[in-house]
Amino acid sequence: MKKLAFIMVTVFLNTALFSCTPNSIVENSTEQACCDGEDNKPPPPPPPPSDD
């Protein structure tokens, strides 16, 4: 019974640690954050004023 519990905990920890990679987090967050998945992106902000 202890072996079964150990195996289940090991599988759970492996799943939790390796299920989400930084690349997938970045890819998912940029799609959701910008325009709800549409291809129309807002224009970039204007350049800052110069001090000349």
C-alpha atoms as a PDB file:
ATOM      1  CA  MET A   1       0.000   0.000   0.000  1.00  0.00           C
ATOM      2  CA  LYS A   2       2.899   2.364   0.731  1.00  0.00           C
ATOM      3  CA  LYS A   3       4.351   1.694  -2.707  1.00  0.00           C
ATOM      4  CA  LEU A   4       1.070   2.639  -4.373  1.00  0.00           C
ATOM      5  CA  ALA A   5       0.873   5.898  -2.402  1.00  0.00           C
ATOM      6  CA  PHE A   6       4.505   6.688  -3.254  1.00  0.00           C
ATOM      7  CA  ILE A   7       3.882   6.053  -6.960  1.00  0.00           C
ATOM      8  CA  MET A   8       0.762   8.231  -6.964  1.00  0.00           C
ATOM      9  CA  VAL A   9       2.557  11.106  -5.216  1.00  0.00           C
ATOM     10  CA  THR A  10       5.484  10.810  -7.625  1.00  0.00           C
ATOM     11  CA  VAL A  11       3.206  10.899 -10.674  1.00  0.00           C
ATOM     12  CA  PHE A  12       1.281  13.868  -9.279  1.00  0.00           C
ATOM     13  CA  LEU A  13       4.454  15.862  -8.584  1.00  0.00           C
ATOM     14  CA  ASN A  14       5.879  15.096 -12.021  1.00  0.00           C
ATOM     15  CA  THR A  15       2.650  16.187 -13.646  1.00  0.00           C
ATOM     16  CA  ALA A  16       2.541  19.395 -11.622  1.00  0.00           C
ATOM     17  CA  LEU A  17       6.174  20.260 -12.302  1.00  0.00           C
ATOM     18  CA  PHE A  18       6.337  19.496 -16.010  1.00  0.00           C
ATOM     19  CA  SER A  19       2.828  20.246 -17.278  1.00  0.00           C
ATOM     20  CA  CYS A  20       3.431  23.951 -17.813  1.00  0.00           C
ATOM     21  CA  THR A  21       6.549  25.268 -19.515  1.00  0.00           C
ATOM     22  CA  PRO A  22       7.501  28.979 -19.608  1.00  0.00           C
ATOM     23  CA  ASN A  23       7.098  29.029 -23.396  1.00  0.00           C
ATOM     24  CA  SER A  24       3.519  27.814 -23.220  1.00  0.00           C
ATOM     25  CA  ILE A  25       2.724  30.376 -20.519  1.00  0.00           C
ATOM     26  CA  VAL A  26       4.084  33.217 -22.636  1.00  0.00           C
ATOM     27  CA  GLU A  27       2.317  32.044 -25.794  1.00  0.00           C
ATOM     28  CA  ASN A  28      -1.034  31.677 -24.042  1.00  0.00           C
ATOM     29  CA  SER A  29      -0.843  34.968 -22.174  1.00  0.00           C
ATOM     30  CA  THR A  30      -0.028  37.098 -25.234  1.00  0.00           C
ATOM     31  CA  GLU A  31      -2.916  35.653 -27.222  1.00  0.00           C
ATOM     32  CA  GLN A  32      -5.396  36.284 -24.440  1.00  0.00           C
ATOM     33  CA  ALA A  33      -4.041  39.707 -23.517  1.00  0.00           C
ATOM     34  CA  CYS A  34      -4.201  41.157 -27.020  1.00  0.00           C
ATOM     35  CA  CYS A  35      -7.468  41.662 -28.801  1.00  0.00           C
ATOM     36  CA  ASP A  36      -9.099  38.394 -27.675  1.00  0.00           C
ATOM     37  CA  GLY A  37      -7.317  36.336 -30.335  1.00  0.00           C
ATOM     38  CA  GLU A  38      -7.984  38.698 -33.241  1.00  0.00           C
ATOM     39  CA  ASP A  39      -5.235  39.540 -35.720  1.00  0.00           C
ATOM     40  CA  ASN A  40      -5.759  43.300 -35.352  1.00  0.00           C
ATOM     41  CA  LYS A  41      -3.067  44.591 -33.011  1.00  0.00           C
ATOM     42  CA  PRO A  42      -3.110  48.119 -31.621  1.00  0.00           C
ATOM     43  CA  PRO A  43      -0.478  50.486 -33.033  1.00  0.00           C
ATOM     44  CA  PRO A  44       2.725  50.945 -31.050  1.00  0.00           C
ATOM     45  CA  PRO A  45       2.936  53.959 -28.730  1.00  0.00           C
ATOM     46  CA  PRO A  46       4.439  57.142 -30.154  1.00  0.00           C
ATOM     47  CA  PRO A  47       8.116  57.866 -29.453  1.00  0.00           C
ATOM     48  CA  PRO A  48       8.859  60.014 -26.419  1.00  0.00           C
ATOM     49  CA  PRO A  49       9.378  63.730 -27.045  1.00  0.00           C
ATOM     50  CA  SER A  50      12.965  64.791 -27.568  1.00  0.00           C
ATOM     51  CA  ASP A  51      14.677  67.292 -25.262  1.00  0.00           C
ATOM     52  CA  ASP A  52      16.515  69.168 -28.067  1.00  0.00           C
END
